Protein backbone atom coordinates (compact mmCIF):
# COMPACT_ATOMS: atom_id res chain seq x y z
CA UNK A 1 -0.26 -0.05 -0.12
CA UNK A 2 1.04 3.60 -0.50
CA UNK A 3 1.91 5.55 2.12
CA UNK A 4 0.08 8.81 2.78
CA UNK A 5 3.09 10.77 1.73
CA UNK A 6 3.50 8.95 -1.46
CA UNK A 7 -0.29 9.52 -2.09
CA UNK A 8 0.31 13.42 -1.45
CA UNK A 9 3.29 13.38 -3.62
CA UNK A 10 1.05 12.06 -6.45
CA UNK A 11 -1.40 14.56 -5.87
CA UNK A 12 0.96 17.42 -5.64
CA UNK A 13 2.54 16.23 -9.09
CA UNK A 14 -1.13 15.94 -10.43
CA UNK A 15 -1.73 19.39 -9.65
CA UNK A 16 1.35 20.66 -10.96
CA UNK A 17 0.79 18.95 -14.30
CA UNK A 18 -2.53 20.52 -14.49
CA UNK A 19 -1.37 23.79 -13.86
CA UNK A 20 1.24 23.59 -16.64
CA UNK A 21 -1.20 22.33 -19.00
CA UNK A 22 -3.71 25.06 -18.49
CA UNK A 23 -1.04 27.76 -18.33
CA UNK A 24 0.49 26.56 -21.57
CA UNK A 25 -3.03 26.45 -23.37
CA UNK A 26 -3.70 29.60 -22.31
CA UNK A 27 -0.48 31.05 -23.51
CA UNK A 28 -1.40 29.45 -26.88
CA UNK A 29 -4.70 30.93 -26.93
CA UNK A 30 -3.60 34.18 -25.81
CA UNK A 31 -0.46 34.26 -28.46
CA UNK A 32 -2.96 33.31 -31.39
CA UNK A 33 -5.16 35.86 -30.17
CA UNK A 34 -2.51 38.53 -30.35
CA UNK A 35 -0.91 37.19 -33.73
CA UNK A 36 -4.55 37.81 -35.09
CA UNK A 37 -4.94 41.04 -34.21
CA UNK A 38 -1.25 41.74 -35.31
CA UNK A 39 -2.29 40.51 -39.13
CA UNK A 40 -5.33 42.63 -38.99
CA UNK A 41 -3.50 45.63 -37.93
CA UNK A 42 -0.76 45.03 -40.64
CA UNK A 43 -3.36 44.73 -43.04
CA UNK A 44 -5.05 47.61 -42.26
CA UNK A 45 -1.72 49.81 -42.47
CA UNK A 46 -0.88 48.41 -45.89
CA UNK A 47 -4.53 49.22 -46.49
CA UNK A 48 -4.16 52.71 -45.20
CA UNK A 49 -0.90 53.20 -47.11
CA UNK A 50 -3.09 52.39 -50.50
CA UNK A 51 -5.02 55.93 -49.67
CA UNK A 52 -2.59 57.59 -51.51
CA UNK A 53 -2.80 55.45 -54.79
CA UNK A 54 -4.24 56.80 -57.98
CA UNK A 55 -5.52 54.39 -60.49
CA UNK A 56 -5.85 55.79 -63.99
CA UNK A 57 -5.48 59.18 -62.75
CA UNK A 58 -8.64 58.68 -60.49
CA UNK A 59 -7.91 58.86 -56.71
CA UNK A 60 -9.80 56.30 -54.51
CA UNK A 61 -13.51 57.53 -53.90
CA UNK A 62 -13.99 59.76 -50.65
CA UNK A 63 -16.44 56.84 -49.57
CA UNK A 64 -13.78 54.47 -49.65
CA UNK A 65 -11.22 56.72 -47.86
CA UNK A 66 -13.61 57.52 -45.01
CA UNK A 67 -14.37 53.74 -44.70
CA UNK A 68 -10.43 53.08 -44.51
CA UNK A 69 -9.87 56.15 -42.31
CA UNK A 70 -12.71 54.74 -39.93
CA UNK A 71 -11.20 51.47 -39.66
CA UNK A 72 -7.63 52.85 -38.75
CA UNK A 73 -9.28 55.15 -36.36
CA UNK A 74 -11.26 52.03 -34.56
CA UNK A 75 -8.47 50.03 -34.19
CA UNK A 76 -5.99 52.49 -33.24
CA UNK A 77 -8.39 53.30 -30.31
CA UNK A 78 -8.75 49.75 -29.49
CA UNK A 79 -5.05 48.93 -29.99
CA UNK A 80 -4.53 48.39 -26.33
CA UNK A 81 -7.23 46.33 -25.33
CA UNK A 82 -6.37 43.03 -26.88
CA UNK A 83 -3.06 42.87 -24.66
CA UNK A 84 -4.81 44.51 -21.55
CA UNK A 85 -7.94 41.78 -22.06
CA UNK A 86 -5.29 38.83 -22.58
CA UNK A 87 -3.69 39.80 -19.09
CA UNK A 88 -7.03 40.15 -17.33
CA UNK A 89 -8.06 36.50 -18.69
CA UNK A 90 -4.89 35.33 -17.86
CA UNK A 91 -4.89 36.58 -14.05
CA UNK A 92 -8.51 35.66 -14.01
CA UNK A 93 -7.81 31.82 -14.89
CA UNK A 94 -4.31 31.74 -12.72
CA UNK A 95 -6.69 33.01 -9.70
CA UNK A 96 -9.06 29.95 -10.20
CA UNK A 97 -6.65 27.14 -10.48
CA UNK A 98 -4.07 28.62 -8.07
CA UNK A 99 -6.15 26.76 -4.87
CA UNK A 100 -6.16 23.50 -6.98
């Protein structure tokens, strides 16, 4: 039979593995989300740069330029949100699993 010490040791190892698994999964999700955000940001930067392009002597329409400007503004205003929300969610999850 296992001693009480051995059972506690195995339980501790199981808890550590669980925490590590949750942390690894959370890191993957957060990093994937930030990567997607960065790709959108890069695309919008390229799109914003295209506002100076003239096609066959005609600039882009005012409506299209406004839409590009609006999208750029919204992304710039919210640029800190993904990182801040990711950090908050990470801390929330860590607080839940800490007692485990």
